[in-house]
Structures are given as C-alpha cells and as structure tokens.
C-alpha atoms as a PDB file:
ATOM      1  CA  MET A   1      -6.902  37.691  48.957  1.00  0.00           C
ATOM      2  CA  ILE A   2      -7.775  38.572  45.350  1.00  0.00           C
ATOM      3  CA  ARG A   3      -4.170  38.182  44.314  1.00  0.00           C
ATOM      4  CA  TYR A   4      -4.221  34.551  45.611  1.00  0.00           C
ATOM      5  CA  TYR A   5      -7.353  33.835  43.541  1.00  0.00           C
ATOM      6  CA  ALA A   6      -5.651  35.379  40.485  1.00  0.00           C
ATOM      7  CA  LEU A   7      -2.506  33.320  41.088  1.00  0.00           C
ATOM      8  CA  ALA A   8      -4.520  30.089  41.526  1.00  0.00           C
ATOM      9  CA  THR A   9      -6.566  30.868  38.407  1.00  0.00           C
ATOM     10  CA  GLY A  10      -3.350  31.460  36.423  1.00  0.00           C
ATOM     11  CA  ILE A  11      -1.878  28.148  37.606  1.00  0.00           C
ATOM     12  CA  VAL A  12      -5.065  26.211  36.714  1.00  0.00           C
ATOM     13  CA  LEU A  13      -5.332  27.857  33.272  1.00  0.00           C
ATOM     14  CA  GLY A  14      -1.627  27.256  32.614  1.00  0.00           C
ATOM     15  CA  ILE A  15      -1.959  23.564  33.461  1.00  0.00           C
ATOM     16  CA  ALA A  16      -5.115  23.330  31.321  1.00  0.00           C
ATOM     17  CA  LEU A  17      -3.294  24.895  28.356  1.00  0.00           C
ATOM     18  CA  LEU A  18      -0.312  22.528  28.753  1.00  0.00           C
ATOM     19  CA  VAL A  19      -2.612  19.487  28.910  1.00  0.00           C
ATOM     20  CA  ALA A  20      -4.561  20.706  25.853  1.00  0.00           C
ATOM     21  CA  ALA A  21      -1.322  21.293  23.937  1.00  0.00           C
ATOM     22  CA  TRP A  22      -0.067  17.818  24.897  1.00  0.00           C
ATOM     23  CA  PHE A  23      -3.233  16.109  23.617  1.00  0.00           C
ATOM     24  CA  GLU A  24      -3.309  18.249  20.463  1.00  0.00           C
ATOM     25  CA  ARG A  25       0.275  17.204  19.697  1.00  0.00           C
ATOM     26  CA  ASP A  26      -0.763  13.559  19.894  1.00  0.00           C
ATOM     27  CA  LEU A  27      -3.724  14.217  17.578  1.00  0.00           C
ATOM     28  CA  ILE A  28      -1.469  15.947  15.052  1.00  0.00           C
ATOM     29  CA  ARG A  29       1.004  13.046  15.180  1.00  0.00           C
ATOM     30  CA  ILE A  30      -1.804  10.583  14.478  1.00  0.00           C
ATOM     31  CA  LYS A  31      -3.042  12.673  11.555  1.00  0.00           C
ATOM     32  CA  LEU A  32       0.440  12.902  10.035  1.00  0.00           C
ATOM     33  CA  ALA A  33       1.102   9.213  10.531  1.00  0.00           C
ATOM     34  CA  SER A  34      -1.973   8.285   8.514  1.00  0.00           C
ATOM     35  CA  VAL A  35      -1.203  10.391   5.435  1.00  0.00           C
ATOM     36  CA  ALA A  36      -0.540   8.387   2.245  1.00  0.00           C
ATOM     37  CA  VAL A  37       2.632   9.561   0.525  1.00  0.00           C
ATOM     38  CA  PRO A  38       3.271   8.699  -3.149  1.00  0.00           C
ATOM     39  CA  VAL A  39       6.723   7.177  -3.677  1.00  0.00           C
ATOM     40  CA  PRO A  40       8.582   7.427  -6.985  1.00  0.00           C
ATOM     41  CA  PRO A  41      10.075   4.234  -8.452  1.00  0.00           C
ATOM     42  CA  LYS A  42      13.492   3.187  -7.216  1.00  0.00           C
ATOM     43  CA  LEU A  43      16.140   4.473  -9.556  1.00  0.00           C
ATOM     44  CA  GLY A  44      19.365   3.266  -7.986  1.00  0.00           C
ATOM     45  CA  ARG A  45      22.256   5.098  -9.614  1.00  0.00           C
ATOM     46  CA  GLU A  46      20.230   6.137 -12.649  1.00  0.00           C
ATOM     47  CA  ARG A  47      18.095   9.250 -12.720  1.00  0.00           C
ATOM     48  CA  ILE A  48      15.235  10.473 -14.806  1.00  0.00           C
ATOM     49  CA  TYR A  49      15.394  14.117 -15.774  1.00  0.00           C
ATOM     50  CA  ARG A  50      11.982  15.640 -16.306  1.00  0.00           C
ATOM     51  CA  GLY A  51      11.470  19.111 -17.647  1.00  0.00           C
ATOM     52  CA  ALA A  52       8.623  21.444 -16.786  1.00  0.00           C
ATOM     53  CA  ALA A  53       5.046  20.217 -17.232  1.00  0.00           C
ATOM     54  CA  GLY A  54       4.388  19.217 -20.817  1.00  0.00           C
ATOM     55  CA  ARG A  55       8.077  18.903 -21.673  1.00  0.00           C
ATOM     56  CA  ALA A  56       9.924  15.788 -22.745  1.00  0.00           C
ATOM     57  CA  PHE A  57      11.718  13.600 -20.259  1.00  0.00           C
ATOM     58  CA  ARG A  58      15.036  11.898 -20.827  1.00  0.00           C
ATOM     59  CA  GLY A  59      17.077   9.495 -18.783  1.00  0.00           C
ATOM     60  CA  VAL A  60      18.600   6.105 -18.152  1.00  0.00           C
ATOM     61  CA  ALA A  61      16.040   3.524 -17.092  1.00  0.00           C
ATOM     62  CA  PRO A  62      16.458  -0.259 -17.086  1.00  0.00           C
ATOM     63  CA  TRP A  63      12.678  -0.455 -16.532  1.00  0.00           C
ATOM     64  CA  ALA A  64      11.841   2.008 -19.346  1.00  0.00           C
ATOM     65  CA  LEU A  65       9.081  -0.123 -20.919  1.00  0.00           C
ATOM     66  CA  SER A  66       7.276  -0.305 -17.564  1.00  0.00           C
ATOM     67  CA  ALA A  67       7.016   3.494 -17.611  1.00  0.00           C
ATOM     68  CA  LEU A  68       5.098   3.498 -20.913  1.00  0.00           C
ATOM     69  CA  PRO A  69       1.657   1.956 -20.250  1.00  0.00           C
ATOM     70  CA  ASP A  70       0.227   3.269 -23.514  1.00  0.00           C
ATOM     71  CA  CYS A  71       2.666   0.976 -25.380  1.00  0.00           C
ATOM     72  CA  PHE A  72       3.433  -1.932 -23.038  1.00  0.00           C
ATOM     73  CA  THR A  73       1.581  -3.812 -20.304  1.00  0.00           C
ATOM     74  CA  PRO A  74       3.857  -5.604 -17.795  1.00  0.00           C
ATOM     75  CA  LEU A  75       3.083  -9.326 -17.496  1.00  0.00           C
ATOM     76  CA  ALA A  76       6.048 -10.851 -15.635  1.00  0.00           C
ATOM     77  CA  HIS A  77       9.289  -9.872 -13.938  1.00  0.00           C
ATOM     78  CA  VAL A  78      11.996 -12.385 -12.994  1.00  0.00           C
ATOM     79  CA  THR A  79      15.454 -11.777 -11.509  1.00  0.00           C
ATOM     80  CA  GLY A  80      18.217 -14.247 -10.731  1.00  0.00           C
ATOM     81  CA  SER A  81      21.030 -16.220 -12.288  1.00  0.00           C
ATOM     82  CA  SER A  82      21.325 -16.661 -16.056  1.00  0.00           C
ATOM     83  CA  ALA A  83      20.041 -20.234 -15.851  1.00  0.00           C
ATOM     84  CA  TYR A  84      17.064 -19.223 -13.711  1.00  0.00           C
ATOM     85  CA  VAL A  85      16.112 -16.342 -15.993  1.00  0.00           C
ATOM     86  CA  ALA A  86      16.579 -18.489 -19.125  1.00  0.00           C
ATOM     87  CA  ALA A  87      14.183 -21.075 -17.670  1.00  0.00           C
ATOM     88  CA  HIS A  88      11.501 -18.348 -17.444  1.00  0.00           C
ATOM     89  CA  LEU A  89      11.927 -17.134 -21.024  1.00  0.00           C
ATOM     90  CA  PRO A  90       8.797 -18.294 -22.894  1.00  0.00           C
ATOM     91  CA  SER A  91       9.321 -21.088 -25.387  1.00  0.00           C
ATOM     92  CA  GLY A  92       9.276 -19.905 -28.963  1.00  0.00           C
ATOM     93  CA  ALA A  93      10.851 -16.547 -28.072  1.00  0.00           C
ATOM     94  CA  ARG A  94      13.001 -15.281 -30.949  1.00  0.00           C
ATOM     95  CA  VAL A  95      15.908 -12.963 -30.266  1.00  0.00           C
ATOM     96  CA  VAL A  96      15.816  -9.571 -32.029  1.00  0.00           C
ATOM     97  CA  VAL A  97      19.212  -9.024 -33.640  1.00  0.00           C
ATOM     98  CA  PRO A  98      20.521  -5.437 -33.498  1.00  0.00           C
ATOM     99  CA  PRO A  99      20.499  -3.060 -35.214  1.00  0.00           C
ATOM    100  CA  ALA A 100      16.714  -3.079 -35.238  1.00  0.00           C
ATOM    101  CA  ARG A 101      13.730  -0.773 -34.926  1.00  0.00           C
ATOM    102  CA  LEU A 102      10.546  -1.968 -33.181  1.00  0.00           C
ATOM    103  CA  ALA A 103       7.304   0.037 -33.009  1.00  0.00           C
ATOM    104  CA  PHE A 104       4.517  -0.532 -30.457  1.00  0.00           C
ATOM    105  CA  GLY A 105       1.697   1.956 -29.859  1.00  0.00           C
ATOM    106  CA  ARG A 106       3.280   5.414 -29.869  1.00  0.00           C
ATOM    107  CA  CYS A 107       6.651   3.992 -28.812  1.00  0.00           C
ATOM    108  CA  THR A 108       9.689   3.045 -30.858  1.00  0.00           C
ATOM    109  CA  ILE A 109      12.615   0.944 -29.638  1.00  0.00           C
ATOM    110  CA  PHE A 110      15.967   1.366 -31.372  1.00  0.00           C
ATOM    111  CA  LEU A 111      18.371  -1.501 -30.689  1.00  0.00           C
ATOM    112  CA  ALA A 112      22.008  -0.566 -31.131  1.00  0.00           C
ATOM    113  CA  GLY A 113      24.494  -3.199 -30.053  1.00  0.00           C
ATOM    114  CA  VAL A 114      24.028  -4.040 -26.383  1.00  0.00           C
ATOM    115  CA  GLU A 115      21.818  -1.093 -25.421  1.00  0.00           C
ATOM    116  CA  ALA A 116      18.461   0.299 -26.524  1.00  0.00           C
ATOM    117  CA  ILE A 117      16.794   3.683 -26.899  1.00  0.00           C
ATOM    118  CA  VAL A 118      13.039   3.930 -26.307  1.00  0.00           C
ATOM    119  CA  THR A 119      11.228   6.978 -27.665  1.00  0.00           C
ATOM    120  CA  ARG A 120       7.653   8.177 -27.346  1.00  0.00           C
ATOM    121  CA  GLY A 121       7.140  11.467 -29.104  1.00  0.00           C
ATOM    122  CA  SER A 122       9.885  13.708 -27.700  1.00  0.00           C
ATOM    123  CA  ASP A 123      10.447  11.485 -24.623  1.00  0.00           C
ATOM    124  CA  ARG A 124      13.654   9.447 -24.746  1.00  0.00           C
ATOM    125  CA  LEU A 125      14.809   6.704 -22.349  1.00  0.00           C
ATOM    126  CA  ARG A 126      17.974   4.634 -22.627  1.00  0.00           C
ATOM    127  CA  ILE A 127      18.085   1.026 -21.437  1.00  0.00           C
ATOM    128  CA  PRO A 128      21.724   0.497 -20.413  1.00  0.00           C
ATOM    129  CA  PRO A 129      23.886  -2.466 -21.479  1.00  0.00           C
ATOM    130  CA  THR A 130      23.623  -5.387 -21.719  1.00  0.00           C
ATOM    131  CA  VAL A 131      20.085  -5.759 -23.019  1.00  0.00           C
ATOM    132  CA  ARG A 132      18.530  -8.318 -25.379  1.00  0.00           C
ATOM    133  CA  PHE A 133      15.003  -8.268 -26.769  1.00  0.00           C
ATOM    134  CA  TYR A 134      12.936 -11.336 -27.648  1.00  0.00           C
ATOM    135  CA  ARG A 135       9.798 -11.407 -29.813  1.00  0.00           C
ATOM    136  CA  ILE A 136       6.880 -13.555 -28.727  1.00  0.00           C
ATOM    137  CA  PRO A 137       3.512 -13.343 -30.536  1.00  0.00           C
ATOM    138  CA  GLY A 138       1.699 -10.378 -28.937  1.00  0.00           C
ATOM    139  CA  LYS A 139       4.507  -9.908 -26.412  1.00  0.00           C
ATOM    140  CA  ILE A 140       8.064  -8.759 -26.027  1.00  0.00           C
ATOM    141  CA  ALA A 141      10.671  -9.932 -23.513  1.00  0.00           C
ATOM    142  CA  VAL A 142      13.548  -7.771 -22.301  1.00  0.00           C
ATOM    143  CA  TRP A 143      16.518  -9.563 -20.732  1.00  0.00           C
ATOM    144  CA  ARG A 144      18.998  -7.195 -19.106  1.00  0.00           C
ATOM    145  CA  SER A 145      22.284  -8.292 -17.519  1.00  0.00           C
ATOM    146  CA  ASP A 146      24.766  -6.305 -15.472  1.00  0.00           C
ATOM    147  CA  ALA A 147      27.044  -6.751 -12.465  1.00  0.00           C
ATOM    148  CA  ALA A 148      23.990  -6.902 -10.163  1.00  0.00           C
ATOM    149  CA  GLY A 149      22.528  -9.914 -12.004  1.00  0.00           C
ATOM    150  CA  ASN A 150      19.932 -10.764 -14.629  1.00  0.00           C
ATOM    151  CA  ASP A 151      16.518  -9.218 -15.071  1.00  0.00           C
ATOM    152  CA  LEU A 152      13.787 -10.537 -17.397  1.00  0.00           C
ATOM    153  CA  ARG A 153      10.639  -8.498 -18.023  1.00  0.00           C
ATOM    154  CA  ILE A 154       7.821  -9.670 -20.271  1.00  0.00           C
ATOM    155  CA  TYR A 155       5.297  -7.202 -21.688  1.00  0.00           C
ATOM    156  CA  ALA A 156       2.128  -7.405 -23.740  1.00  0.00           C
ATOM    157  CA  THR A 157       2.489  -5.058 -26.706  1.00  0.00           C
ATOM    158  CA  HIS A 158       0.025  -2.653 -28.262  1.00  0.00           C
ATOM    159  CA  PRO A 159      -0.322  -2.263 -32.034  1.00  0.00           C
ATOM    160  CA  ALA A 160       1.742   0.405 -33.718  1.00  0.00           C
ATOM    161  CA  ILE A 161      -0.059   3.654 -34.501  1.00  0.00           C
ATOM    162  CA  PRO A 162       0.525   4.691 -38.125  1.00  0.00           C
END
C-alpha cells in the first residue's frame, strides 16, 4: 500500500513540476520580450571600424556629420529625385567649391573633388562620392548623390574652437 502512495505522490509532484516549469517559461518569455535593445545606425554596405575604448574610429559614412553632435546639430533630412531635393535646399545657399577646408567645433571637413573627409581629433570619416556642401548662415547643407538617389542633410553648425 505504501508503494502506491509513493507512486501517486511522485506522479502529483511530477505534474506540479511540469506545470510550474511551463508557467515559468511563459514568464521568462514575457521578460525577454520587454527588454529594450539598442540598435546601431544602419550602415548598408559601409562599415565603421572602431578601435578599443578611447581609440580613434575610421570609416566610410554618408551620414558622418550626424555622428558628430559636438560639431553639428541635424535640422532636416530629405531624400528623393534631384528636383525634389533641390526644391528643399534653402534659398541663399552658396556652394562650397573644392578643394576647401571647413572648421566647426572640434571638427574639420576637407573637400577634395567629389568626396569629403571629416576629422575630429584622431577620428576620421569619409563621405563617399558624390557630395556637395552648401554654406548657409549658421548652417551647412550636405547634398550627396549616388545610384540609390539623392540625400540632402541640413545641420546647424557650432563655432570653431581655436
């Protein structure tokens, strides 16, 4: 008779453990589903290569000025056909003719032909061709064209640091 009680007790405890494990699995799934995960910016084919902490980073980035908040504050971003993007270029914008060197905050932009190099200290980002810069009082516009289309970004600039 005792062995029947032991067998029944084992069956009840086994079922209780399975039910508890089932509910715990659902609780874990809910906890994992509610975790916020930081997502890096979309890079497409380009990549940013970052060294160990405190080291310089280098890479190809069409959105390079957006990654430098101590020098530039994004104001507008427009994509589309040439005519559409041109309609969104602020009036009075003057094209910056390469070769040129522009300094804003701790950042320097070197224009060389149809591409640009942006440096901040030892950090170095390349904006791939074809890129044109436009000066607007207190702002800068970056118009980049490639096979995917046209991209216009307008930034507020920060004063150069001597």
